[in-house]
N, C-alpha and C. Protein backbone atom coordinates (compact mmCIF):
# COMPACT_ATOMS: atom_id res chain seq x y z
N MET A 1 0.89 -1.42 0.11
CA MET A 1 -0.20 0.03 -0.04
C MET A 1 1.01 1.27 -0.03
N VAL A 2 0.48 2.35 -1.26
CA VAL A 2 1.17 3.59 -1.21
C VAL A 2 0.71 4.59 0.17
N THR A 3 1.64 5.05 0.83
CA THR A 3 1.45 5.94 1.72
C THR A 3 1.20 6.94 1.05
N SER A 4 1.15 8.14 2.24
CA SER A 4 0.13 8.82 2.19
C SER A 4 1.76 9.93 1.65
N LYS A 5 2.73 10.15 2.18
CA LYS A 5 3.24 10.96 1.83
C LYS A 5 4.26 10.38 -0.08
N GLN A 6 4.30 8.76 0.46
CA GLN A 6 5.19 8.31 -1.10
C GLN A 6 4.09 9.27 -2.56
N ARG A 7 2.42 9.09 -1.75
CA ARG A 7 1.64 9.52 -2.67
C ARG A 7 1.67 11.42 -3.17
N GLN A 8 1.77 12.11 -1.92
CA GLN A 8 2.17 12.95 -1.99
C GLN A 8 3.82 13.59 -3.10
N ARG A 9 4.39 12.67 -2.99
CA ARG A 9 5.58 12.69 -3.82
C ARG A 9 5.35 12.13 -5.02
N GLN A 10 4.63 11.50 -5.18
CA GLN A 10 4.33 11.04 -6.80
C GLN A 10 4.11 12.30 -7.20
N LEU A 11 2.53 13.05 -7.01
CA LEU A 11 2.17 14.08 -7.64
C LEU A 11 2.96 15.10 -7.16
N ALA A 12 3.86 15.65 -6.29
CA ALA A 12 4.53 16.92 -6.61
C ALA A 12 5.34 16.56 -7.45
N ARG A 13 5.97 15.17 -8.11
CA ARG A 13 7.44 14.66 -9.26
C ARG A 13 5.99 15.41 -10.48
N ALA A 14 5.25 14.10 -10.78
CA ALA A 14 4.32 14.68 -12.10
C ALA A 14 4.17 16.16 -12.08
N ARG A 15 3.50 17.44 -11.14
CA ARG A 15 3.29 18.04 -11.55
C ARG A 15 4.48 18.71 -12.09
N TRP A 16 6.21 18.75 -11.51
CA TRP A 16 7.20 19.14 -11.58
C TRP A 16 7.57 19.25 -13.23
N GLU A 17 7.27 17.91 -13.50
CA GLU A 17 7.15 17.30 -14.97
C GLU A 17 6.35 17.87 -16.06
N ARG A 18 5.21 18.37 -15.45
CA ARG A 18 4.35 19.24 -16.81
C ARG A 18 4.84 20.41 -16.42
N GLN A 19 5.16 20.80 -15.51
CA GLN A 19 6.15 22.49 -15.52
C GLN A 19 6.54 22.76 -16.39
N ARG A 20 7.63 21.58 -15.78
CA ARG A 20 9.09 21.87 -16.81
C ARG A 20 8.55 21.27 -18.18
N SER A 21 8.09 20.59 -18.84
CA SER A 21 7.48 20.64 -20.19
C SER A 21 6.74 21.35 -20.67
N ARG A 22 6.24 22.19 -19.78
CA ARG A 22 5.38 23.38 -20.46
C ARG A 22 6.26 24.92 -20.57
N ARG A 23 7.02 24.62 -19.57
CA ARG A 23 8.39 25.76 -19.28
C ARG A 23 9.05 25.38 -20.86
N ALA A 24 9.31 24.31 -20.67
CA ALA A 24 10.30 24.20 -22.22
C ALA A 24 9.54 24.57 -23.82
N ALA A 25 8.02 24.01 -23.85
CA ALA A 25 8.11 24.23 -24.74
C ALA A 25 7.53 26.14 -24.92
N GLN A 26 7.06 26.62 -23.79
CA GLN A 26 6.89 28.30 -24.09
C GLN A 26 8.34 29.17 -24.11
N ALA A 27 9.35 28.04 -23.63
CA ALA A 27 11.09 29.13 -24.30
C ALA A 27 11.16 28.61 -25.61
N ARG A 28 10.82 27.35 -26.24
CA ARG A 28 10.90 27.50 -27.42
C ARG A 28 10.01 28.14 -28.66
N ARG A 29 8.95 28.44 -28.17
CA ARG A 29 7.87 29.64 -28.56
C ARG A 29 8.34 30.41 -28.60
N ARG A 30 9.19 30.99 -27.33
CA ARG A 30 9.81 32.34 -27.63
C ARG A 30 10.94 32.52 -28.05
N ARG A 31 11.63 31.36 -28.26
CA ARG A 31 12.54 31.48 -29.18
C ARG A 31 12.27 31.75 -30.83
N ARG A 32 11.56 30.72 -31.44
CA ARG A 32 10.90 31.07 -32.15
C ARG A 32 10.38 32.44 -32.20
N ILE A 33 9.59 32.84 -32.33
CA ILE A 33 9.31 34.23 -32.40
C ILE A 33 10.21 35.21 -31.81
N ALA A 34 11.02 35.45 -31.32
CA ALA A 34 11.91 36.34 -31.50
C ALA A 34 13.35 35.83 -32.63
N ILE A 35 13.39 34.50 -32.95
CA ILE A 35 13.72 35.15 -34.81
C ILE A 35 13.01 35.49 -36.21
N VAL A 36 11.90 35.39 -35.79
CA VAL A 36 10.87 35.81 -36.63
C VAL A 36 10.83 36.69 -36.92
N VAL A 37 11.02 37.51 -35.24
CA VAL A 37 10.97 39.62 -35.27
C VAL A 37 12.40 39.43 -36.08
N GLY A 38 13.20 38.81 -35.23
CA GLY A 38 14.31 39.54 -35.76
C GLY A 38 15.07 39.06 -37.68
N VAL A 39 14.68 38.67 -38.29
CA VAL A 39 14.85 38.22 -39.60
C VAL A 39 13.82 39.25 -39.85
N ILE A 40 12.06 39.69 -39.51
CA ILE A 40 11.58 40.45 -40.58
C ILE A 40 12.10 41.68 -40.26
N GLY A 41 12.75 42.32 -39.40
CA GLY A 41 13.05 43.13 -38.76
C GLY A 41 14.52 43.48 -39.76
N GLY A 42 15.11 42.90 -39.40
CA GLY A 42 16.83 42.72 -40.55
C GLY A 42 16.23 43.13 -41.85
N LEU A 43 14.93 42.20 -42.41
CA LEU A 43 14.83 42.47 -43.75
C LEU A 43 13.98 44.06 -44.15
N VAL A 44 13.69 44.47 -43.61
CA VAL A 44 12.67 45.50 -43.23
C VAL A 44 13.85 46.45 -43.21
N ALA A 45 14.88 46.57 -42.13
CA ALA A 45 15.99 47.40 -42.26
C ALA A 45 16.63 46.96 -43.89
N ALA A 46 17.21 45.98 -44.25
CA ALA A 46 17.47 46.39 -45.53
C ALA A 46 17.15 46.64 -46.24
N ALA A 47 15.81 46.50 -46.94
CA ALA A 47 14.80 47.46 -47.62
C ALA A 47 14.88 48.62 -47.75
N LEU A 48 14.52 49.20 -46.33
CA LEU A 48 14.85 50.56 -46.22
C LEU A 48 16.45 51.00 -46.80
N LEU A 49 16.82 50.25 -46.35
CA LEU A 49 18.48 50.66 -46.77
C LEU A 49 18.42 51.08 -48.15
N VAL A 50 18.46 49.79 -48.70
CA VAL A 50 18.74 49.62 -50.05
C VAL A 50 17.55 50.72 -51.09
N TRP A 51 16.29 51.15 -50.60
CA TRP A 51 15.63 52.41 -51.02
C TRP A 51 16.69 53.73 -50.95
N LEU A 52 17.36 53.95 -49.54
CA LEU A 52 17.41 55.28 -49.30
C LEU A 52 18.79 55.21 -50.51
N VAL A 53 19.38 54.34 -50.52
CA VAL A 53 20.80 54.71 -51.39
C VAL A 53 20.14 54.89 -52.83
N LEU A 54 19.15 54.20 -53.64
CA LEU A 54 18.87 54.11 -54.97
C LEU A 54 18.07 55.40 -54.99
N SER A 55 17.47 55.76 -53.65
CA SER A 55 16.76 57.67 -54.10
C SER A 55 17.57 58.57 -53.67
N LEU A 56 18.85 58.14 -53.31
CA LEU A 56 19.61 58.98 -53.00
C LEU A 56 20.36 58.96 -54.59
N ASN A 57 20.53 58.02 -55.07
CA ASN A 57 21.13 57.94 -56.63
C ASN A 57 20.95 58.45 -57.57
N GLU A 58 19.33 58.45 -57.45
CA GLU A 58 18.35 58.76 -58.42
C GLU A 58 18.22 60.52 -58.80
N SER A 59 18.51 61.09 -57.42
CA SER A 59 18.46 62.58 -56.94
C SER A 59 20.07 63.22 -58.10
N ASP A 60 20.74 62.04 -58.06
CA ASP A 60 22.03 62.85 -58.45
C ASP A 60 22.04 62.91 -59.79
N GLU A 61 21.52 61.56 -60.21
CA GLU A 61 22.05 61.30 -61.70
C GLU A 61 20.43 62.34 -62.68
N VAL A 62 20.50 63.47 -61.62
CA VAL A 62 18.51 64.43 -62.81
C VAL A 62 19.99 65.21 -63.44
N PRO A 63 19.78 65.33 -65.00
CA PRO A 63 20.19 65.68 -65.72
C PRO A 63 20.00 67.49 -65.46
N ASN A 64 20.79 68.48 -65.65
CA ASN A 64 20.36 69.30 -65.58
C ASN A 64 19.65 69.86 -67.13
N PRO A 65 18.51 70.89 -67.16
CA PRO A 65 18.23 71.18 -68.97
C PRO A 65 19.19 71.99 -69.13
N GLU A 66 19.03 72.26 -70.84
CA GLU A 66 19.28 73.00 -72.02
C GLU A 66 19.00 74.16 -71.75
N PRO A 67 20.24 74.89 -71.75
CA PRO A 67 19.65 76.62 -71.81
C PRO A 67 18.98 76.57 -73.22
N THR A 68 17.66 77.73 -73.19
CA THR A 68 16.36 77.24 -73.88
C THR A 68 17.68 79.30 -74.46
N VAL A 69 17.02 79.24 -76.15
CA VAL A 69 17.62 80.17 -76.87
C VAL A 69 16.59 80.64 -77.18
N PRO A 70 15.94 82.10 -77.36
CA PRO A 70 14.63 82.93 -77.58
C PRO A 70 14.95 82.18 -79.09
N GLY A 71 13.67 82.25 -78.92
CA GLY A 71 12.95 81.58 -81.01
C GLY A 71 13.00 82.69 -81.49
N ASP A 72 13.25 84.08 -81.28
CA ASP A 72 13.10 84.90 -82.69
C ASP A 72 14.32 84.65 -83.82
N PRO A 73 14.25 85.04 -85.14
CA PRO A 73 14.36 84.45 -86.17
C PRO A 73 15.87 85.54 -86.39
N GLY A 74 15.18 87.11 -86.23
CA GLY A 74 16.40 88.13 -85.93
C GLY A 74 17.50 87.40 -84.88
N PHE A 75 17.28 87.09 -84.39
CA PHE A 75 18.86 86.91 -82.47
C PHE A 75 19.10 85.42 -82.98
N SER A 76 20.67 85.86 -82.98
CA SER A 76 21.78 85.24 -83.15
C SER A 76 22.16 85.10 -82.33
N THR A 77 22.68 83.86 -82.41
CA THR A 77 24.05 83.10 -81.54
C THR A 77 25.10 83.55 -81.42
N ASP A 78 25.41 83.38 -82.56
CA ASP A 78 26.65 83.62 -83.01
C ASP A 78 27.41 84.83 -83.02
N LEU A 79 28.60 84.61 -81.93
CA LEU A 79 29.15 86.32 -81.36
C LEU A 79 30.30 86.30 -82.00
N LEU A 80 30.43 87.47 -82.55
CA LEU A 80 31.39 87.98 -83.35
C LEU A 80 32.30 88.71 -82.11
N THR A 81 34.06 88.26 -82.92
CA THR A 81 34.96 89.03 -81.99
C THR A 81 35.68 90.57 -82.82
N PRO A 82 35.75 91.67 -82.36
CA PRO A 82 36.90 92.80 -83.03
C PRO A 82 37.68 91.27 -84.15
N SER A 83 37.80 90.54 -83.57
CA SER A 83 39.28 89.81 -84.82
C SER A 83 38.31 89.09 -85.79
N SER A 84 36.97 89.04 -85.38
CA SER A 84 36.94 88.12 -86.69
C SER A 84 35.34 88.88 -87.26
N ASN A 85 35.27 90.32 -87.27
CA ASN A 85 34.27 90.56 -87.78
C ASN A 85 34.04 90.47 -89.46
N PRO A 86 33.26 90.01 -89.93
CA PRO A 86 33.57 90.30 -91.62
C PRO A 86 33.96 91.29 -92.04
N PRO A 87 34.65 91.76 -93.52
CA PRO A 87 34.51 92.48 -94.12
C PRO A 87 33.25 93.37 -94.46
N THR A 88 33.62 94.19 -94.33
CA THR A 88 32.36 95.55 -94.55
C THR A 88 32.68 96.06 -96.41
N GLN A 89 31.88 96.40 -96.91
CA GLN A 89 32.62 97.04 -98.28
C GLN A 89 34.21 98.02 -98.69
N GLY A 90 33.68 98.96 -97.33
CA GLY A 90 34.95 100.11 -96.89
C GLY A 90 36.63 99.52 -96.54
N ASP A 91 36.07 97.87 -96.19
CA ASP A 91 37.48 97.85 -95.40
C ASP A 91 37.88 96.94 -96.28
N ARG A 92 37.97 96.49 -97.22
CA ARG A 92 38.59 95.44 -98.98
C ARG A 92 39.83 96.52 -99.26
């Protein structure tokens, strides 16, 4: 016959085993969640870094617009210096 003290020890040991297995399962779950959160956080950080680098490079490559010249047909952009003036009838 099992004494009361032995029964209490058996019950205490069974309770301890259940608690230990439950705590181990909780620890595994916490570890798995921490890994998933870390990986997702790392991917988000990497994506933000790539976006930042690409957006900075795009802003550097914006070409400057060409200067515009008025569309007046009588306006000439040919600049003449004193040494390059065409001869006139009196200069011949």
